Amino acid sequence: MAEKHYVYVLKSEVDGRLYKGMTQNLELRLSQHNGGKVKSTKGYMPWVLVYHEIFETRQEARLREKYLKSGAGREFLKDILAA
């Protein structure tokens, strides 16, 4: 069976900023973010997982990650995270 690909959104408990990314191991990736192993998120720890989606292929996941980083994707996240 093929690996699953996750697109995830983290929220900083420091200032509320969102971080969007993709991975094949969600648990490991979250621990990397909270362990200070990711340069771009190090200064805003701790992070909590607020949203994720699962995809069959890396290509699908990458397209969704790009969407979530776009203006329309930000609006989508604002709406679902407010619910």
PDB file of N, CA and C in Angstrom:
ATOM      1  N   MET A   1       0.835  -1.196   0.000  1.00  0.00           N
ATOM      2  CA  MET A   1       0.000   0.000   0.000  1.00  0.00           C
ATOM      3  C   MET A   1       0.878   1.258   0.000  1.00  0.00           C
ATOM      4  N   ALA A   2       0.495   2.216  -0.802  1.00  0.00           N
ATOM      5  CA  ALA A   2       1.284   3.441  -0.925  1.00  0.00           C
ATOM      6  C   ALA A   2       1.171   4.289   0.336  1.00  0.00           C
ATOM      7  N   GLU A   3       2.218   5.041   0.575  1.00  0.00           N
ATOM      8  CA  GLU A   3       2.218   5.977   1.698  1.00  0.00           C
ATOM      9  C   GLU A   3       1.148   7.038   1.485  1.00  0.00           C
ATOM     10  N   LYS A   4       0.559   7.477   2.572  1.00  0.00           N
ATOM     11  CA  LYS A   4      -0.379   8.596   2.514  1.00  0.00           C
ATOM     12  C   LYS A   4       0.418   9.889   2.582  1.00  0.00           C
ATOM     13  N   HIS A   5      -0.148  10.923   2.032  1.00  0.00           N
ATOM     14  CA  HIS A   5       0.467  12.245   2.082  1.00  0.00           C
ATOM     15  C   HIS A   5      -0.480  13.177   2.818  1.00  0.00           C
ATOM     16  N   TYR A   6       0.043  13.892   3.774  1.00  0.00           N
ATOM     17  CA  TYR A   6      -0.768  14.785   4.593  1.00  0.00           C
ATOM     18  C   TYR A   6      -0.439  16.230   4.279  1.00  0.00           C
ATOM     19  N   VAL A   7      -1.486  17.030   4.182  1.00  0.00           N
ATOM     20  CA  VAL A   7      -1.330  18.475   4.148  1.00  0.00           C
ATOM     21  C   VAL A   7      -1.860  18.923   5.498  1.00  0.00           C
ATOM     22  N   TYR A   8      -1.080  19.748   6.183  1.00  0.00           N
ATOM     23  CA  TYR A   8      -1.461  20.093   7.546  1.00  0.00           C
ATOM     24  C   TYR A   8      -1.338  21.595   7.783  1.00  0.00           C
ATOM     25  N   VAL A   9      -2.086  22.036   8.801  1.00  0.00           N
ATOM     26  CA  VAL A   9      -2.029  23.438   9.213  1.00  0.00           C
ATOM     27  C   VAL A   9      -1.764  23.449  10.711  1.00  0.00           C
ATOM     28  N   LEU A  10      -0.711  24.175  11.075  1.00  0.00           N
ATOM     29  CA  LEU A  10      -0.368  24.331  12.483  1.00  0.00           C
ATOM     30  C   LEU A  10      -0.668  25.763  12.900  1.00  0.00           C
ATOM     31  N   LYS A  11      -1.001  25.920  14.180  1.00  0.00           N
ATOM     32  CA  LYS A  11      -1.230  27.263  14.720  1.00  0.00           C
ATOM     33  C   LYS A  11      -0.256  27.491  15.863  1.00  0.00           C
ATOM     34  N   SER A  12       0.407  28.641  15.833  1.00  0.00           N
ATOM     35  CA  SER A  12       1.355  28.981  16.888  1.00  0.00           C
ATOM     36  C   SER A  12       0.582  29.402  18.133  1.00  0.00           C
ATOM     37  N   GLU A  13       0.960  28.834  19.277  1.00  0.00           N
ATOM     38  CA  GLU A  13       0.333  29.249  20.528  1.00  0.00           C
ATOM     39  C   GLU A  13       0.938  30.556  21.034  1.00  0.00           C
ATOM     40  N   VAL A  14       1.988  31.033  20.363  1.00  0.00           N
ATOM     41  CA  VAL A  14       2.621  32.286  20.754  1.00  0.00           C
ATOM     42  C   VAL A  14       1.841  33.476  20.188  1.00  0.00           C
ATOM     43  N   ASP A  15       1.620  33.465  18.866  1.00  0.00           N
ATOM     44  CA  ASP A  15       0.964  34.626  18.255  1.00  0.00           C
ATOM     45  C   ASP A  15      -0.197  34.282  17.328  1.00  0.00           C
ATOM     46  N   GLY A  16      -0.569  33.009  17.264  1.00  0.00           N
ATOM     47  CA  GLY A  16      -1.737  32.627  16.467  1.00  0.00           C
ATOM     48  C   GLY A  16      -1.485  32.471  14.977  1.00  0.00           C
ATOM     49  N   ARG A  17      -0.236  32.654  14.526  1.00  0.00           N
ATOM     50  CA  ARG A  17       0.040  32.517  13.095  1.00  0.00           C
ATOM     51  C   ARG A  17      -0.168  31.074  12.651  1.00  0.00           C
ATOM     52  N   LEU A  18      -0.489  30.911  11.374  1.00  0.00           N
ATOM     53  CA  LEU A  18      -0.697  29.583  10.803  1.00  0.00           C
ATOM     54  C   LEU A  18       0.500  29.194   9.949  1.00  0.00           C
ATOM     55  N   TYR A  19       0.818  27.910   9.975  1.00  0.00           N
ATOM     56  CA  TYR A  19       1.868  27.361   9.123  1.00  0.00           C
ATOM     57  C   TYR A  19       1.257  26.210   8.344  1.00  0.00           C
ATOM     58  N   LYS A  20       1.457  26.205   7.024  1.00  0.00           N
ATOM     59  CA  LYS A  20       0.923  25.135   6.182  1.00  0.00           C
ATOM     60  C   LYS A  20       2.076  24.327   5.617  1.00  0.00           C
ATOM     61  N   GLY A  21       1.925  23.006   5.622  1.00  0.00           N
ATOM     62  CA  GLY A  21       2.977  22.151   5.096  1.00  0.00           C
ATOM     63  C   GLY A  21       2.433  20.813   4.649  1.00  0.00           C
ATOM     64  N   MET A  22       3.336  19.951   4.182  1.00  0.00           N
ATOM     65  CA  MET A  22       2.932  18.603   3.804  1.00  0.00           C
ATOM     66  C   MET A  22       3.999  17.612   4.241  1.00  0.00           C
ATOM     67  N   THR A  23       3.568  16.380   4.500  1.00  0.00           N
ATOM     68  CA  THR A  23       4.466  15.362   5.014  1.00  0.00           C
ATOM     69  C   THR A  23       3.854  13.986   4.787  1.00  0.00           C
ATOM     70  N   GLN A  24       4.667  12.946   4.981  1.00  0.00           N
ATOM     71  CA  GLN A  24       4.133  11.586   4.960  1.00  0.00           C
ATOM     72  C   GLN A  24       3.965  11.044   6.375  1.00  0.00           C
ATOM     73  N   ASN A  25       4.534  11.735   7.360  1.00  0.00           N
ATOM     74  CA  ASN A  25       4.427  11.298   8.750  1.00  0.00           C
ATOM     75  C   ASN A  25       4.055  12.500   9.606  1.00  0.00           C
ATOM     76  N   LEU A  26       2.753  12.643   9.854  1.00  0.00           N
ATOM     77  CA  LEU A  26       2.228  13.814  10.539  1.00  0.00           C
ATOM     78  C   LEU A  26       2.734  13.924  11.977  1.00  0.00           C
ATOM     79  N   GLU A  27       2.751  12.816  12.685  1.00  0.00           N
ATOM     80  CA  GLU A  27       3.194  12.812  14.078  1.00  0.00           C
ATOM     81  C   GLU A  27       4.663  13.251  14.192  1.00  0.00           C
ATOM     82  N   LEU A  28       5.507  12.675  13.355  1.00  0.00           N
ATOM     83  CA  LEU A  28       6.933  13.024  13.356  1.00  0.00           C
ATOM     84  C   LEU A  28       7.125  14.491  12.995  1.00  0.00           C
ATOM     85  N   ARG A  29       6.396  14.947  11.982  1.00  0.00           N
ATOM     86  CA  ARG A  29       6.564  16.332  11.530  1.00  0.00           C
ATOM     87  C   ARG A  29       6.165  17.318  12.613  1.00  0.00           C
ATOM     88  N   LEU A  30       5.078  17.040  13.317  1.00  0.00           N
ATOM     89  CA  LEU A  30       4.649  17.924  14.406  1.00  0.00           C
ATOM     90  C   LEU A  30       5.716  17.975  15.503  1.00  0.00           C
ATOM     91  N   SER A  31       6.307  16.821  15.819  1.00  0.00           N
ATOM     92  CA  SER A  31       7.338  16.815  16.853  1.00  0.00           C
ATOM     93  C   SER A  31       8.590  17.561  16.376  1.00  0.00           C
ATOM     94  N   GLN A  32       8.872  17.534  15.071  1.00  0.00           N
ATOM     95  CA  GLN A  32      10.000  18.310  14.540  1.00  0.00           C
ATOM     96  C   GLN A  32       9.734  19.808  14.690  1.00  0.00           C
ATOM     97  N   HIS A  33       8.499  20.235  14.378  1.00  0.00           N
ATOM     98  CA  HIS A  33       8.154  21.649  14.532  1.00  0.00           C
ATOM     99  C   HIS A  33       8.269  22.071  15.990  1.00  0.00           C
ATOM    100  N   ASN A  34       7.743  21.257  16.894  1.00  0.00           N
ATOM    101  CA  ASN A  34       7.755  21.620  18.309  1.00  0.00           C
ATOM    102  C   ASN A  34       9.092  21.364  18.991  1.00  0.00           C
ATOM    103  N   GLY A  35       9.991  20.658  18.302  1.00  0.00           N
ATOM    104  CA  GLY A  35      11.313  20.414  18.854  1.00  0.00           C
ATOM    105  C   GLY A  35      12.349  21.417  18.369  1.00  0.00           C
ATOM    106  N   GLY A  36      11.897  22.426  17.627  1.00  0.00           N
ATOM    107  CA  GLY A  36      12.808  23.452  17.142  1.00  0.00           C
ATOM    108  C   GLY A  36      13.683  23.000  15.980  1.00  0.00           C
ATOM    109  N   LYS A  37      13.281  21.944  15.293  1.00  0.00           N
ATOM    110  CA  LYS A  37      14.083  21.399  14.204  1.00  0.00           C
ATOM    111  C   LYS A  37      13.777  22.042  12.843  1.00  0.00           C
ATOM    112  N   VAL A  38      12.746  22.879  12.792  1.00  0.00           N
ATOM    113  CA  VAL A  38      12.344  23.520  11.536  1.00  0.00           C
ATOM    114  C   VAL A  38      12.608  25.019  11.663  1.00  0.00           C
ATOM    115  N   LYS A  39      13.557  25.482  10.871  1.00  0.00           N
ATOM    116  CA  LYS A  39      14.025  26.863  10.976  1.00  0.00           C
ATOM    117  C   LYS A  39      12.889  27.896  10.925  1.00  0.00           C
ATOM    118  N   SER A  40      11.969  27.707   9.973  1.00  0.00           N
ATOM    119  CA  SER A  40      10.929  28.726   9.776  1.00  0.00           C
ATOM    120  C   SER A  40       9.885  28.770  10.890  1.00  0.00           C
ATOM    121  N   THR A  41       9.805  27.727  11.709  1.00  0.00           N
ATOM    122  CA  THR A  41       8.783  27.730  12.766  1.00  0.00           C
ATOM    123  C   THR A  41       9.372  27.782  14.170  1.00  0.00           C
ATOM    124  N   LYS A  42      10.695  27.735  14.250  1.00  0.00           N
ATOM    125  CA  LYS A  42      11.386  27.640  15.540  1.00  0.00           C
ATOM    126  C   LYS A  42      11.013  28.747  16.536  1.00  0.00           C
ATOM    127  N   GLY A  43      10.905  29.956  16.053  1.00  0.00           N
ATOM    128  CA  GLY A  43      10.643  31.087  16.944  1.00  0.00           C
ATOM    129  C   GLY A  43       9.212  31.235  17.418  1.00  0.00           C
ATOM    130  N   TYR A  44       8.335  30.360  16.976  1.00  0.00           N
ATOM    131  CA  TYR A  44       6.912  30.532  17.290  1.00  0.00           C
ATOM    132  C   TYR A  44       6.309  29.321  17.999  1.00  0.00           C
ATOM    133  N   MET A  45       7.161  28.478  18.590  1.00  0.00           N
ATOM    134  CA  MET A  45       6.693  27.288  19.305  1.00  0.00           C
ATOM    135  C   MET A  45       6.007  27.718  20.604  1.00  0.00           C
ATOM    136  N   PRO A  46       5.085  26.902  21.108  1.00  0.00           N
ATOM    137  CA  PRO A  46       4.660  25.606  20.566  1.00  0.00           C
ATOM    138  C   PRO A  46       3.587  25.753  19.484  1.00  0.00           C
ATOM    139  N   TRP A  47       3.463  24.670  18.693  1.00  0.00           N
ATOM    140  CA  TRP A  47       2.503  24.608  17.604  1.00  0.00           C
ATOM    141  C   TRP A  47       1.461  23.541  17.911  1.00  0.00           C
ATOM    142  N   VAL A  48       0.217  23.803  17.507  1.00  0.00           N
ATOM    143  CA  VAL A  48      -0.833  22.785  17.621  1.00  0.00           C
ATOM    144  C   VAL A  48      -1.399  22.512  16.234  1.00  0.00           C
ATOM    145  N   LEU A  49      -1.705  21.263  15.984  1.00  0.00           N
ATOM    146  CA  LEU A  49      -2.306  20.869  14.713  1.00  0.00           C
ATOM    147  C   LEU A  49      -3.772  21.291  14.738  1.00  0.00           C
ATOM    148  N   VAL A  50      -4.174  22.142  13.790  1.00  0.00           N
ATOM    149  CA  VAL A  50      -5.558  22.608  13.771  1.00  0.00           C
ATOM    150  C   VAL A  50      -6.354  22.061  12.590  1.00  0.00           C
ATOM    151  N   TYR A  51      -5.641  21.492  11.581  1.00  0.00           N
ATOM    152  CA  TYR A  51      -6.351  20.991  10.406  1.00  0.00           C
ATOM    153  C   TYR A  51      -5.415  20.103   9.608  1.00  0.00           C
ATOM    154  N   HIS A  52      -5.968  19.055   9.000  1.00  0.00           N
ATOM    155  CA  HIS A  52      -5.172  18.260   8.071  1.00  0.00           C
ATOM    156  C   HIS A  52      -6.079  17.529   7.089  1.00  0.00           C
ATOM    157  N   GLU A  53      -5.505  17.175   5.957  1.00  0.00           N
ATOM    158  CA  GLU A  53      -6.189  16.405   4.920  1.00  0.00           C
ATOM    159  C   GLU A  53      -5.238  15.305   4.471  1.00  0.00           C
ATOM    160  N   ILE A  54      -5.795  14.207   3.968  1.00  0.00           N
ATOM    161  CA  ILE A  54      -4.987  13.064   3.543  1.00  0.00           C
ATOM    162  C   ILE A  54      -5.162  12.846   2.043  1.00  0.00           C
ATOM    163  N   PHE A  55      -4.050  12.604   1.356  1.00  0.00           N
ATOM    164  CA  PHE A  55      -4.069  12.394  -0.085  1.00  0.00           C
ATOM    165  C   PHE A  55      -3.335  11.119  -0.453  1.00  0.00           C
ATOM    166  N   GLU A  56      -3.701  10.555  -1.585  1.00  0.00           N
ATOM    167  CA  GLU A  56      -3.075   9.336  -2.090  1.00  0.00           C
ATOM    168  C   GLU A  56      -1.726   9.602  -2.751  1.00  0.00           C
ATOM    169  N   THR A  57      -1.606  10.786  -3.392  1.00  0.00           N
ATOM    170  CA  THR A  57      -0.363  11.066  -4.107  1.00  0.00           C
ATOM    171  C   THR A  57       0.269  12.363  -3.613  1.00  0.00           C
ATOM    172  N   ARG A  58       1.584  12.438  -3.803  1.00  0.00           N
ATOM    173  CA  ARG A  58       2.321  13.632  -3.423  1.00  0.00           C
ATOM    174  C   ARG A  58       1.853  14.832  -4.258  1.00  0.00           C
ATOM    175  N   GLN A  59       1.545  14.578  -5.526  1.00  0.00           N
ATOM    176  CA  GLN A  59       1.114  15.660  -6.413  1.00  0.00           C
ATOM    177  C   GLN A  59      -0.179  16.302  -5.922  1.00  0.00           C
ATOM    178  N   GLU A  60      -1.141  15.469  -5.519  1.00  0.00           N
ATOM    179  CA  GLU A  60      -2.407  16.000  -4.997  1.00  0.00           C
ATOM    180  C   GLU A  60      -2.153  16.829  -3.740  1.00  0.00           C
ATOM    181  N   ALA A  61      -1.315  16.294  -2.869  1.00  0.00           N
ATOM    182  CA  ALA A  61      -1.010  16.988  -1.620  1.00  0.00           C
ATOM    183  C   ALA A  61      -0.337  18.328  -1.897  1.00  0.00           C
ATOM    184  N   ARG A  62       0.597  18.337  -2.837  1.00  0.00           N
ATOM    185  CA  ARG A  62       1.321  19.562  -3.168  1.00  0.00           C
ATOM    186  C   ARG A  62       0.381  20.624  -3.730  1.00  0.00           C
ATOM    187  N   LEU A  63      -0.557  20.214  -4.578  1.00  0.00           N
ATOM    188  CA  LEU A  63      -1.527  21.168  -5.122  1.00  0.00           C
ATOM    189  C   LEU A  63      -2.390  21.757  -4.014  1.00  0.00           C
ATOM    190  N   ARG A  64      -2.801  20.914  -3.080  1.00  0.00           N
ATOM    191  CA  ARG A  64      -3.638  21.392  -1.980  1.00  0.00           C
ATOM    192  C   ARG A  64      -2.855  22.327  -1.050  1.00  0.00           C
ATOM    193  N   GLU A  65      -1.591  21.983  -0.809  1.00  0.00           N
ATOM    194  CA  GLU A  65      -0.761  22.857   0.027  1.00  0.00           C
ATOM    195  C   GLU A  65      -0.625  24.233  -0.632  1.00  0.00           C
ATOM    196  N   LYS A  66      -0.370  24.240  -1.941  1.00  0.00           N
ATOM    197  CA  LYS A  66      -0.253  25.507  -2.669  1.00  0.00           C
ATOM    198  C   LYS A  66      -1.557  26.301  -2.583  1.00  0.00           C
ATOM    199  N   TYR A  67      -2.695  25.590  -2.693  1.00  0.00           N
ATOM    200  CA  TYR A  67      -3.994  26.263  -2.579  1.00  0.00           C
ATOM    201  C   TYR A  67      -4.150  26.906  -1.205  1.00  0.00           C
ATOM    202  N   LEU A  68      -3.822  26.159  -0.149  1.00  0.00           N
ATOM    203  CA  LEU A  68      -4.000  26.681   1.209  1.00  0.00           C
ATOM    204  C   LEU A  68      -3.109  27.893   1.478  1.00  0.00           C
ATOM    205  N   LYS A  69      -2.020  28.011   0.729  1.00  0.00           N
ATOM    206  CA  LYS A  69      -1.123  29.153   0.884  1.00  0.00           C
ATOM    207  C   LYS A  69      -1.562  30.348   0.036  1.00  0.00           C
ATOM    208  N   SER A  70      -2.576  30.148  -0.798  1.00  0.00           N
ATOM    209  CA  SER A  70      -3.075  31.225  -1.663  1.00  0.00           C
ATOM    210  C   SER A  70      -4.106  32.064  -0.901  1.00  0.00           C
ATOM    211  N   GLY A  71      -4.500  33.160  -1.500  1.00  0.00           N
ATOM    212  CA  GLY A  71      -5.518  34.017  -0.886  1.00  0.00           C
ATOM    213  C   GLY A  71      -6.824  33.268  -0.654  1.00  0.00           C
ATOM    214  N   ALA A  72      -7.269  32.522  -1.649  1.00  0.00           N
ATOM    215  CA  ALA A  72      -8.523  31.762  -1.516  1.00  0.00           C
ATOM    216  C   ALA A  72      -8.380  30.683  -0.438  1.00  0.00           C
ATOM    217  N   GLY A  73      -7.220  30.061  -0.396  1.00  0.00           N
ATOM    218  CA  GLY A  73      -6.977  29.031   0.611  1.00  0.00           C
ATOM    219  C   GLY A  73      -6.964  29.597   2.018  1.00  0.00           C
ATOM    220  N   ARG A  74      -6.403  30.804   2.170  1.00  0.00           N
ATOM    221  CA  ARG A  74      -6.398  31.455   3.482  1.00  0.00           C
ATOM    222  C   ARG A  74      -7.822  31.749   3.933  1.00  0.00           C
ATOM    223  N   GLU A  75      -8.657  32.195   2.991  1.00  0.00           N
ATOM    224  CA  GLU A  75     -10.065  32.450   3.309  1.00  0.00           C
ATOM    225  C   GLU A  75     -10.769  31.168   3.731  1.00  0.00           C
ATOM    226  N   PHE A  76     -10.513  30.091   2.987  1.00  0.00           N
ATOM    227  CA  PHE A  76     -11.083  28.784   3.306  1.00  0.00           C
ATOM    228  C   PHE A  76     -10.721  28.390   4.740  1.00  0.00           C
ATOM    229  N   LEU A  77      -9.440  28.513   5.081  1.00  0.00           N
ATOM    230  CA  LEU A  77      -8.993  28.153   6.434  1.00  0.00           C
ATOM    231  C   LEU A  77      -9.606  29.040   7.498  1.00  0.00           C
ATOM    232  N   LYS A  78      -9.701  30.323   7.208  1.00  0.00           N
ATOM    233  CA  LYS A  78     -10.297  31.255   8.168  1.00  0.00           C
ATOM    234  C   LYS A  78     -11.731  30.818   8.476  1.00  0.00           C
ATOM    235  N   ASP A  79     -12.476  30.461   7.423  1.00  0.00           N
ATOM    236  CA  ASP A  79     -13.868  30.024   7.593  1.00  0.00           C
ATOM    237  C   ASP A  79     -13.970  28.730   8.389  1.00  0.00           C
ATOM    238  N   ILE A  80     -13.180  27.705   8.041  1.00  0.00           N
ATOM    239  CA  ILE A  80     -13.348  26.428   8.735  1.00  0.00           C
ATOM    240  C   ILE A  80     -12.767  26.453  10.150  1.00  0.00           C
ATOM    241  N   LEU A  81     -11.738  27.252  10.376  1.00  0.00           N
ATOM    242  CA  LEU A  81     -11.168  27.310  11.720  1.00  0.00           C
ATOM    243  C   LEU A  81     -12.007  28.162  12.661  1.00  0.00           C
ATOM    244  N   ALA A  82     -12.833  29.025  12.087  1.00  0.00           N
ATOM    245  CA  ALA A  82     -13.719  29.854  12.916  1.00  0.00           C
ATOM    246  C   ALA A  82     -14.951  29.064  13.350  1.00  0.00           C
ATOM    247  N   ALA A  83     -15.284  28.016  12.588  1.00  0.00           N
ATOM    248  CA  ALA A  83     -16.506  27.230  12.866  1.00  0.00           C
ATOM    249  C   ALA A  83     -16.389  26.436  14.165  1.00  0.00           C
TER     250      ALA A  83
END
